[in-house]
């Protein structure tokens, strides 16, 4: 069986439509509920001139373990260096006390 140029275009178009519909229906499986959650676990802070990762972590730490908070900030922001720039936005853990 040989397809004409027009037939190939129709088959291609039908395949694209099928893939688009499958992506639309399979990609929308998230379900929202009315149940209240625990609230946000992170917030955004902007780095001010002269601030370091240590100073930001020490402001957020209530239990005295600043290094753990620093590691969490590094993990949340995928930081590979501790050098920060003024104006940089960082996700930081929210204290739960």
PDB file of N, CA and C in Angstrom:
ATOM      1  N   UNK A   1       0.853  -1.169   0.000  1.00  0.00           N
ATOM      2  CA  UNK A   1       0.000   0.000   0.000  1.00  0.00           C
ATOM      3  C   UNK A   1       0.895   1.226   0.000  1.00  0.00           C
ATOM      4  N   UNK A   2       0.640   2.136  -0.888  1.00  0.00           N
ATOM      5  CA  UNK A   2       1.416   3.371  -0.961  1.00  0.00           C
ATOM      6  C   UNK A   2       0.514   4.539  -0.626  1.00  0.00           C
ATOM      7  N   UNK A   3       1.067   5.435   0.163  1.00  0.00           N
ATOM      8  CA  UNK A   3       0.318   6.648   0.516  1.00  0.00           C
ATOM      9  C   UNK A   3       0.755   7.788  -0.386  1.00  0.00           C
ATOM     10  N   UNK A   4      -0.192   8.572  -0.769  1.00  0.00           N
ATOM     11  CA  UNK A   4       0.133   9.763  -1.541  1.00  0.00           C
ATOM     12  C   UNK A   4       0.658  10.820  -0.597  1.00  0.00           C
ATOM     13  N   UNK A   5       1.119  11.883  -1.167  1.00  0.00           N
ATOM     14  CA  UNK A   5       1.625  12.993  -0.356  1.00  0.00           C
ATOM     15  C   UNK A   5       0.519  13.522   0.563  1.00  0.00           C
ATOM     16  N   UNK A   6      -0.665  13.634   0.034  1.00  0.00           N
ATOM     17  CA  UNK A   6      -1.808  14.114   0.821  1.00  0.00           C
ATOM     18  C   UNK A   6      -2.156  13.099   1.916  1.00  0.00           C
ATOM     19  N   UNK A   7      -2.081  11.822   1.601  1.00  0.00           N
ATOM     20  CA  UNK A   7      -2.369  10.786   2.590  1.00  0.00           C
ATOM     21  C   UNK A   7      -1.371  10.801   3.737  1.00  0.00           C
ATOM     22  N   UNK A   8      -0.096  11.003   3.413  1.00  0.00           N
ATOM     23  CA  UNK A   8       0.924  11.098   4.468  1.00  0.00           C
ATOM     24  C   UNK A   8       0.669  12.294   5.371  1.00  0.00           C
ATOM     25  N   UNK A   9       0.251  13.414   4.790  1.00  0.00           N
ATOM     26  CA  UNK A   9      -0.048  14.612   5.577  1.00  0.00           C
ATOM     27  C   UNK A   9      -1.225  14.358   6.512  1.00  0.00           C
ATOM     28  N   UNK A  10      -2.240  13.660   6.030  1.00  0.00           N
ATOM     29  CA  UNK A  10      -3.405  13.353   6.868  1.00  0.00           C
ATOM     30  C   UNK A  10      -3.011  12.433   8.023  1.00  0.00           C
ATOM     31  N   UNK A  11      -2.209  11.412   7.738  1.00  0.00           N
ATOM     32  CA  UNK A  11      -1.760  10.490   8.780  1.00  0.00           C
ATOM     33  C   UNK A  11      -0.906  11.234   9.810  1.00  0.00           C
ATOM     34  N   UNK A  12      -0.016  12.076   9.352  1.00  0.00           N
ATOM     35  CA  UNK A  12       0.819  12.868  10.264  1.00  0.00           C
ATOM     36  C   UNK A  12      -0.032  13.778  11.128  1.00  0.00           C
ATOM     37  N   UNK A  13      -0.989  14.465  10.531  1.00  0.00           N
ATOM     38  CA  UNK A  13      -1.868  15.367  11.269  1.00  0.00           C
ATOM     39  C   UNK A  13      -2.688  14.590  12.300  1.00  0.00           C
ATOM     40  N   UNK A  14      -3.220  13.443  11.932  1.00  0.00           N
ATOM     41  CA  UNK A  14      -4.014  12.626  12.852  1.00  0.00           C
ATOM     42  C   UNK A  14      -3.148  12.145  14.021  1.00  0.00           C
ATOM     43  N   UNK A  15      -1.920  11.767  13.745  1.00  0.00           N
ATOM     44  CA  UNK A  15      -1.012  11.347  14.807  1.00  0.00           C
ATOM     45  C   UNK A  15      -0.693  12.473  15.772  1.00  0.00           C
ATOM     46  N   UNK A  16      -0.466  13.658  15.243  1.00  0.00           N
ATOM     47  CA  UNK A  16      -0.188  14.816  16.098  1.00  0.00           C
ATOM     48  C   UNK A  16      -1.383  15.158  16.976  1.00  0.00           C
ATOM     49  N   UNK A  17      -2.584  15.094  16.401  1.00  0.00           N
ATOM     50  CA  UNK A  17      -3.795  15.365  17.171  1.00  0.00           C
ATOM     51  C   UNK A  17      -3.955  14.328  18.277  1.00  0.00           C
ATOM     52  N   UNK A  18      -3.693  13.078  17.967  1.00  0.00           N
ATOM     53  CA  UNK A  18      -3.789  12.014  18.965  1.00  0.00           C
ATOM     54  C   UNK A  18      -2.805  12.234  20.109  1.00  0.00           C
ATOM     55  N   UNK A  19      -1.575  12.579  19.789  1.00  0.00           N
ATOM     56  CA  UNK A  19      -0.561  12.839  20.820  1.00  0.00           C
ATOM     57  C   UNK A  19      -0.952  14.057  21.659  1.00  0.00           C
ATOM     58  N   UNK A  20      -1.457  15.095  21.018  1.00  0.00           N
ATOM     59  CA  UNK A  20      -1.880  16.296  21.738  1.00  0.00           C
ATOM     60  C   UNK A  20      -3.027  15.987  22.688  1.00  0.00           C
ATOM     61  N   UNK A  21      -4.010  15.255  22.242  1.00  0.00           N
ATOM     62  CA  UNK A  21      -5.137  14.895  23.102  1.00  0.00           C
ATOM     63  C   UNK A  21      -4.697  14.003  24.261  1.00  0.00           C
ATOM     64  N   UNK A  22      -3.832  13.046  23.988  1.00  0.00           N
ATOM     65  CA  UNK A  22      -3.333  12.173  25.050  1.00  0.00           C
ATOM     66  C   UNK A  22      -2.570  12.993  26.094  1.00  0.00           C
ATOM     67  N   UNK A  23      -1.731  13.919  25.638  1.00  0.00           N
ATOM     68  CA  UNK A  23      -0.995  14.777  26.573  1.00  0.00           C
ATOM     69  C   UNK A  23      -1.918  15.659  27.386  1.00  0.00           C
ATOM     70  N   UNK A  24      -2.968  16.150  26.767  1.00  0.00           N
ATOM     71  CA  UNK A  24      -3.915  17.019  27.466  1.00  0.00           C
ATOM     72  C   UNK A  24      -4.652  16.256  28.561  1.00  0.00           C
ATOM     73  N   UNK A  25      -5.170  15.070  28.227  1.00  0.00           N
ATOM     74  CA  UNK A  25      -5.942  14.320  29.202  1.00  0.00           C
ATOM     75  C   UNK A  25      -5.068  13.646  30.256  1.00  0.00           C
ATOM     76  N   UNK A  26      -3.930  13.156  29.882  1.00  0.00           N
ATOM     77  CA  UNK A  26      -3.057  12.507  30.851  1.00  0.00           C
ATOM     78  C   UNK A  26      -2.295  13.516  31.702  1.00  0.00           C
ATOM     79  N   UNK A  27      -2.102  14.707  31.189  1.00  0.00           N
ATOM     80  CA  UNK A  27      -1.373  15.727  31.937  1.00  0.00           C
ATOM     81  C   UNK A  27      -2.221  16.474  32.937  1.00  0.00           C
ATOM     82  N   UNK A  28      -3.522  16.276  32.916  1.00  0.00           N
ATOM     83  CA  UNK A  28      -4.398  17.021  33.813  1.00  0.00           C
ATOM     84  C   UNK A  28      -4.998  16.122  34.881  1.00  0.00           C
ATOM     85  N   UNK A  29      -4.188  15.254  35.463  1.00  0.00           N
ATOM     86  CA  UNK A  29      -4.700  14.336  36.466  1.00  0.00           C
ATOM     87  C   UNK A  29      -4.544  14.859  37.891  1.00  0.00           C
ATOM     88  N   UNK A  30      -4.028  16.069  38.079  1.00  0.00           N
ATOM     89  CA  UNK A  30      -3.891  16.629  39.421  1.00  0.00           C
ATOM     90  C   UNK A  30      -5.277  16.962  39.962  1.00  0.00           C
ATOM     91  N   UNK A  31      -5.467  16.664  41.242  1.00  0.00           N
ATOM     92  CA  UNK A  31      -6.769  16.874  41.857  1.00  0.00           C
ATOM     93  C   UNK A  31      -6.587  17.788  43.057  1.00  0.00           C
ATOM     94  N   UNK A  32      -7.400  18.820  43.135  1.00  0.00           N
ATOM     95  CA  UNK A  32      -7.375  19.717  44.284  1.00  0.00           C
ATOM     96  C   UNK A  32      -8.421  19.286  45.294  1.00  0.00           C
ATOM     97  N   UNK A  33      -8.166  19.575  46.570  1.00  0.00           N
ATOM     98  CA  UNK A  33      -9.134  19.255  47.620  1.00  0.00           C
ATOM     99  C   UNK A  33      -9.394  20.499  48.444  1.00  0.00           C
ATOM    100  N   UNK A  34     -10.427  20.420  49.255  1.00  0.00           N
ATOM    101  CA  UNK A  34     -10.755  21.528  50.150  1.00  0.00           C
ATOM    102  C   UNK A  34     -10.064  21.406  51.497  1.00  0.00           C
ATOM    103  N   UNK A  35      -9.297  20.339  51.688  1.00  0.00           N
ATOM    104  CA  UNK A  35      -8.630  20.131  52.957  1.00  0.00           C
ATOM    105  C   UNK A  35      -7.504  21.137  53.145  1.00  0.00           C
ATOM    106  N   UNK A  36      -7.399  21.648  54.359  1.00  0.00           N
ATOM    107  CA  UNK A  36      -6.327  22.595  54.658  1.00  0.00           C
ATOM    108  C   UNK A  36      -5.033  21.834  54.869  1.00  0.00           C
ATOM    109  N   UNK A  37      -3.963  22.317  54.276  1.00  0.00           N
ATOM    110  CA  UNK A  37      -2.664  21.686  54.449  1.00  0.00           C
ATOM    111  C   UNK A  37      -1.925  22.291  55.620  1.00  0.00           C
ATOM    112  N   UNK A  38      -0.654  21.986  55.706  1.00  0.00           N
ATOM    113  CA  UNK A  38       0.162  22.511  56.783  1.00  0.00           C
ATOM    114  C   UNK A  38       0.625  23.927  56.494  1.00  0.00           C
ATOM    115  N   UNK A  39       0.364  24.423  55.301  1.00  0.00           N
ATOM    116  CA  UNK A  39       0.824  25.750  54.935  1.00  0.00           C
ATOM    117  C   UNK A  39       2.144  25.667  54.201  1.00  0.00           C
ATOM    118  N   UNK A  40       2.668  26.819  53.813  1.00  0.00           N
ATOM    119  CA  UNK A  40       3.911  26.814  53.040  1.00  0.00           C
ATOM    120  C   UNK A  40       5.097  26.356  53.880  1.00  0.00           C
ATOM    121  N   UNK A  41       6.005  25.659  53.244  1.00  0.00           N
ATOM    122  CA  UNK A  41       7.204  25.196  53.940  1.00  0.00           C
ATOM    123  C   UNK A  41       8.413  26.053  53.586  1.00  0.00           C
ATOM    124  N   UNK A  42       8.264  26.903  52.570  1.00  0.00           N
ATOM    125  CA  UNK A  42       9.349  27.811  52.198  1.00  0.00           C
ATOM    126  C   UNK A  42       8.781  29.191  51.926  1.00  0.00           C
ATOM    127  N   UNK A  43       9.661  30.158  51.975  1.00  0.00           N
ATOM    128  CA  UNK A  43       9.314  31.516  51.564  1.00  0.00           C
ATOM    129  C   UNK A  43      10.491  32.082  50.781  1.00  0.00           C
ATOM    130  N   UNK A  44      10.264  33.195  50.115  1.00  0.00           N
ATOM    131  CA  UNK A  44      11.294  33.828  49.293  1.00  0.00           C
ATOM    132  C   UNK A  44      11.846  35.035  50.045  1.00  0.00           C
ATOM    133  N   UNK A  45      13.175  35.134  50.105  1.00  0.00           N
ATOM    134  CA  UNK A  45      13.823  36.326  50.661  1.00  0.00           C
ATOM    135  C   UNK A  45      14.773  36.881  49.610  1.00  0.00           C
ATOM    136  N   UNK A  46      14.956  38.189  49.649  1.00  0.00           N
ATOM    137  CA  UNK A  46      15.890  38.832  48.728  1.00  0.00           C
ATOM    138  C   UNK A  46      17.170  39.153  49.488  1.00  0.00           C
ATOM    139  N   UNK A  47      18.288  38.789  48.900  1.00  0.00           N
ATOM    140  CA  UNK A  47      19.590  39.021  49.515  1.00  0.00           C
ATOM    141  C   UNK A  47      19.885  40.525  49.460  1.00  0.00           C
ATOM    142  N   UNK A  48      20.227  41.079  50.607  1.00  0.00           N
ATOM    143  CA  UNK A  48      20.572  42.501  50.692  1.00  0.00           C
ATOM    144  C   UNK A  48      22.093  42.652  50.637  1.00  0.00           C
ATOM    145  N   UNK A  49      22.561  43.838  50.267  1.00  0.00           N
ATOM    146  CA  UNK A  49      24.016  44.050  50.209  1.00  0.00           C
ATOM    147  C   UNK A  49      24.684  43.715  51.547  1.00  0.00           C
ATOM    148  N   UNK A  50      25.768  42.972  51.489  1.00  0.00           N
ATOM    149  CA  UNK A  50      26.522  42.614  52.683  1.00  0.00           C
ATOM    150  C   UNK A  50      26.040  41.340  53.372  1.00  0.00           C
ATOM    151  N   UNK A  51      24.915  40.776  52.945  1.00  0.00           N
ATOM    152  CA  UNK A  51      24.424  39.556  53.574  1.00  0.00           C
ATOM    153  C   UNK A  51      25.168  38.347  53.033  1.00  0.00           C
ATOM    154  N   UNK A  52      25.349  37.375  53.904  1.00  0.00           N
ATOM    155  CA  UNK A  52      25.956  36.104  53.508  1.00  0.00           C
ATOM    156  C   UNK A  52      24.954  34.999  53.791  1.00  0.00           C
ATOM    157  N   UNK A  53      25.258  33.824  53.305  1.00  0.00           N
ATOM    158  CA  UNK A  53      24.393  32.685  53.563  1.00  0.00           C
ATOM    159  C   UNK A  53      24.317  32.417  55.065  1.00  0.00           C
ATOM    160  N   UNK A  54      25.434  32.597  55.747  1.00  0.00           N
ATOM    161  CA  UNK A  54      25.465  32.397  57.198  1.00  0.00           C
ATOM    162  C   UNK A  54      24.543  33.387  57.899  1.00  0.00           C
ATOM    163  N   UNK A  55      24.575  34.666  57.507  1.00  0.00           N
ATOM    164  CA  UNK A  55      23.744  35.658  58.189  1.00  0.00           C
ATOM    165  C   UNK A  55      22.257  35.409  57.938  1.00  0.00           C
ATOM    166  N   UNK A  56      21.905  34.988  56.726  1.00  0.00           N
ATOM    167  CA  UNK A  56      20.504  34.686  56.432  1.00  0.00           C
ATOM    168  C   UNK A  56      20.061  33.471  57.237  1.00  0.00           C
ATOM    169  N   UNK A  57      20.898  32.428  57.266  1.00  0.00           N
ATOM    170  CA  UNK A  57      20.557  31.214  58.010  1.00  0.00           C
ATOM    171  C   UNK A  57      20.471  31.484  59.502  1.00  0.00           C
ATOM    172  N   UNK A  58      21.337  32.330  60.029  1.00  0.00           N
ATOM    173  CA  UNK A  58      21.308  32.608  61.467  1.00  0.00           C
ATOM    174  C   UNK A  58      20.067  33.398  61.858  1.00  0.00           C
ATOM    175  N   UNK A  59      19.539  34.227  60.955  1.00  0.00           N
ATOM    176  CA  UNK A  59      18.288  34.948  61.235  1.00  0.00           C
ATOM    177  C   UNK A  59      17.098  33.988  61.274  1.00  0.00           C
ATOM    178  N   UNK A  60      17.165  32.924  60.496  1.00  0.00           N
ATOM    179  CA  UNK A  60      16.059  31.971  60.413  1.00  0.00           C
ATOM    180  C   UNK A  60      16.119  30.874  61.464  1.00  0.00           C
ATOM    181  N   UNK A  61      17.301  30.623  61.998  1.00  0.00           N
ATOM    182  CA  UNK A  61      17.495  29.496  62.904  1.00  0.00           C
ATOM    183  C   UNK A  61      17.051  29.862  64.308  1.00  0.00           C
ATOM    184  N   UNK A  62      16.196  28.992  64.874  1.00  0.00           N
ATOM    185  CA  UNK A  62      15.736  29.221  66.245  1.00  0.00           C
ATOM    186  C   UNK A  62      16.363  28.249  67.230  1.00  0.00           C
ATOM    187  N   UNK A  63      16.884  27.112  66.729  1.00  0.00           N
ATOM    188  CA  UNK A  63      17.429  26.104  67.628  1.00  0.00           C
ATOM    189  C   UNK A  63      18.949  26.156  67.737  1.00  0.00           C
ATOM    190  N   UNK A  64      19.603  27.119  67.082  1.00  0.00           N
ATOM    191  CA  UNK A  64      21.041  27.277  67.193  1.00  0.00           C
ATOM    192  C   UNK A  64      21.857  26.478  66.205  1.00  0.00           C
ATOM    193  N   UNK A  65      21.233  25.690  65.327  1.00  0.00           N
ATOM    194  CA  UNK A  65      21.971  24.875  64.362  1.00  0.00           C
ATOM    195  C   UNK A  65      21.977  25.571  62.997  1.00  0.00           C
ATOM    196  N   UNK A  66      22.827  26.575  62.851  1.00  0.00           N
ATOM    197  CA  UNK A  66      22.872  27.401  61.650  1.00  0.00           C
ATOM    198  C   UNK A  66      23.346  26.598  60.444  1.00  0.00           C
ATOM    199  N   UNK A  67      24.275  25.682  60.638  1.00  0.00           N
ATOM    200  CA  UNK A  67      24.801  24.902  59.503  1.00  0.00           C
ATOM    201  C   UNK A  67      23.723  24.056  58.829  1.00  0.00           C
ATOM    202  N   UNK A  68      22.824  23.492  59.615  1.00  0.00           N
ATOM    203  CA  UNK A  68      21.728  22.706  59.046  1.00  0.00           C
ATOM    204  C   UNK A  68      20.822  23.592  58.203  1.00  0.00           C
ATOM    205  N   UNK A  69      20.541  24.792  58.693  1.00  0.00           N
ATOM    206  CA  UNK A  69      19.714  25.731  57.929  1.00  0.00           C
ATOM    207  C   UNK A  69      20.435  26.152  56.655  1.00  0.00           C
ATOM    208  N   UNK A  70      21.737  26.363  56.726  1.00  0.00           N
ATOM    209  CA  UNK A  70      22.509  26.712  55.529  1.00  0.00           C
ATOM    210  C   UNK A  70      22.431  25.602  54.493  1.00  0.00           C
ATOM    211  N   UNK A  71      22.586  24.355  54.925  1.00  0.00           N
ATOM    212  CA  UNK A  71      22.496  23.225  53.986  1.00  0.00           C
ATOM    213  C   UNK A  71      21.111  23.135  53.354  1.00  0.00           C
ATOM    214  N   UNK A  72      20.074  23.423  54.141  1.00  0.00           N
ATOM    215  CA  UNK A  72      18.709  23.381  53.615  1.00  0.00           C
ATOM    216  C   UNK A  72      18.499  24.480  52.566  1.00  0.00           C
ATOM    217  N   UNK A  73      19.019  25.684  52.815  1.00  0.00           N
ATOM    218  CA  UNK A  73      18.916  26.779  51.838  1.00  0.00           C
ATOM    219  C   UNK A  73      19.683  26.405  50.569  1.00  0.00           C
ATOM    220  N   UNK A  74      20.869  25.831  50.724  1.00  0.00           N
ATOM    221  CA  UNK A  74      21.646  25.393  49.558  1.00  0.00           C
ATOM    222  C   UNK A  74      20.879  24.354  48.754  1.00  0.00           C
ATOM    223  N   UNK A  75      20.225  23.414  49.445  1.00  0.00           N
ATOM    224  CA  UNK A  75      19.466  22.371  48.759  1.00  0.00           C
ATOM    225  C   UNK A  75      18.243  22.964  48.045  1.00  0.00           C
ATOM    226  N   UNK A  76      17.505  23.835  48.717  1.00  0.00           N
ATOM    227  CA  UNK A  76      16.303  24.425  48.130  1.00  0.00           C
ATOM    228  C   UNK A  76      16.604  25.241  46.876  1.00  0.00           C
ATOM    229  N   UNK A  77      17.794  25.844  46.822  1.00  0.00           N
ATOM    230  CA  UNK A  77      18.140  26.723  45.713  1.00  0.00           C
ATOM    231  C   UNK A  77      19.169  26.128  44.762  1.00  0.00           C
ATOM    232  N   UNK A  78      19.550  24.888  44.988  1.00  0.00           N
ATOM    233  CA  UNK A  78      20.550  24.203  44.164  1.00  0.00           C
ATOM    234  C   UNK A  78      21.817  25.047  44.027  1.00  0.00           C
ATOM    235  N   UNK A  79      22.277  25.560  45.160  1.00  0.00           N
ATOM    236  CA  UNK A  79      23.492  26.382  45.169  1.00  0.00           C
ATOM    237  C   UNK A  79      24.713  25.480  45.197  1.00  0.00           C
ATOM    238  N   UNK A  80      25.681  25.769  44.357  1.00  0.00           N
ATOM    239  CA  UNK A  80      26.936  25.026  44.404  1.00  0.00           C
ATOM    240  C   UNK A  80      28.044  25.876  45.012  1.00  0.00           C
ATOM    241  N   UNK A  81      27.724  27.109  45.340  1.00  0.00           N
ATOM    242  CA  UNK A  81      28.674  28.003  45.991  1.00  0.00           C
ATOM    243  C   UNK A  81      27.915  28.821  47.028  1.00  0.00           C
ATOM    244  N   UNK A  82      28.621  29.305  48.030  1.00  0.00           N
ATOM    245  CA  UNK A  82      27.960  30.093  49.062  1.00  0.00           C
ATOM    246  C   UNK A  82      28.019  31.586  48.753  1.00  0.00           C
ATOM    247  N   UNK A  83      28.593  31.972  47.622  1.00  0.00           N
ATOM    248  CA  UNK A  83      28.662  33.379  47.240  1.00  0.00           C
ATOM    249  C   UNK A  83      27.281  33.842  46.768  1.00  0.00           C
ATOM    250  N   UNK A  84      26.797  34.912  47.363  1.00  0.00           N
ATOM    251  CA  UNK A  84      25.487  35.453  47.007  1.00  0.00           C
ATOM    252  C   UNK A  84      25.649  36.838  46.415  1.00  0.00           C
ATOM    253  N   UNK A  85      24.667  37.248  45.630  1.00  0.00           N
ATOM    254  CA  UNK A  85      24.669  38.582  45.031  1.00  0.00           C
ATOM    255  C   UNK A  85      23.508  39.381  45.599  1.00  0.00           C
ATOM    256  N   UNK A  86      23.716  40.678  45.817  1.00  0.00           N
ATOM    257  CA  UNK A  86      22.637  41.538  46.278  1.00  0.00           C
ATOM    258  C   UNK A  86      21.511  41.514  45.250  1.00  0.00           C
ATOM    259  N   UNK A  87      20.287  41.371  45.733  1.00  0.00           N
ATOM    260  CA  UNK A  87      19.132  41.306  44.852  1.00  0.00           C
ATOM    261  C   UNK A  87      18.737  39.888  44.466  1.00  0.00           C
ATOM    262  N   UNK A  88      19.586  38.920  44.773  1.00  0.00           N
ATOM    263  CA  UNK A  88      19.289  37.522  44.463  1.00  0.00           C
ATOM    264  C   UNK A  88      18.138  37.045  45.342  1.00  0.00           C
ATOM    265  N   UNK A  89      17.215  36.294  44.767  1.00  0.00           N
ATOM    266  CA  UNK A  89      16.085  35.756  45.523  1.00  0.00           C
ATOM    267  C   UNK A  89      16.395  34.317  45.914  1.00  0.00           C
ATOM    268  N   UNK A  90      16.152  33.998  47.176  1.00  0.00           N
ATOM    269  CA  UNK A  90      16.422  32.661  47.701  1.00  0.00           C
ATOM    270  C   UNK A  90      15.166  32.094  48.340  1.00  0.00           C
ATOM    271  N   UNK A  91      14.951  30.805  48.124  1.00  0.00           N
ATOM    272  CA  UNK A  91      13.913  30.098  48.859  1.00  0.00           C
ATOM    273  C   UNK A  91      14.528  29.667  50.176  1.00  0.00           C
ATOM    274  N   UNK A  92      13.829  29.946  51.274  1.00  0.00           N
ATOM    275  CA  UNK A  92      14.329  29.584  52.597  1.00  0.00           C
ATOM    276  C   UNK A  92      13.242  28.828  53.343  1.00  0.00           C
ATOM    277  N   UNK A  93      13.624  27.925  54.244  1.00  0.00           N
ATOM    278  CA  UNK A  93      12.621  27.195  55.020  1.00  0.00           C
ATOM    279  C   UNK A  93      11.911  28.121  55.993  1.00  0.00           C
ATOM    280  N   UNK A  94      10.625  27.866  56.195  1.00  0.00           N
ATOM    281  CA  UNK A  94       9.832  28.638  57.146  1.00  0.00           C
ATOM    282  C   UNK A  94       9.995  28.004  58.513  1.00  0.00           C
ATOM    283  N   UNK A  95      10.238  28.825  59.526  1.00  0.00           N
ATOM    284  CA  UNK A  95      10.344  28.281  60.882  1.00  0.00           C
ATOM    285  C   UNK A  95       8.961  27.855  61.344  1.00  0.00           C
ATOM    286  N   UNK A  96       8.892  26.784  62.103  1.00  0.00           N
ATOM    287  CA  UNK A  96       7.617  26.208  62.509  1.00  0.00           C
ATOM    288  C   UNK A  96       7.303  26.433  63.969  1.00  0.00           C
ATOM    289  N   UNK A  97       7.897  27.429  64.611  1.00  0.00           N
ATOM    290  CA  UNK A  97       7.587  27.646  66.029  1.00  0.00           C
ATOM    291  C   UNK A  97       6.662  28.782  66.241  1.00  0.00           C
TER     292      UNK A  97
END
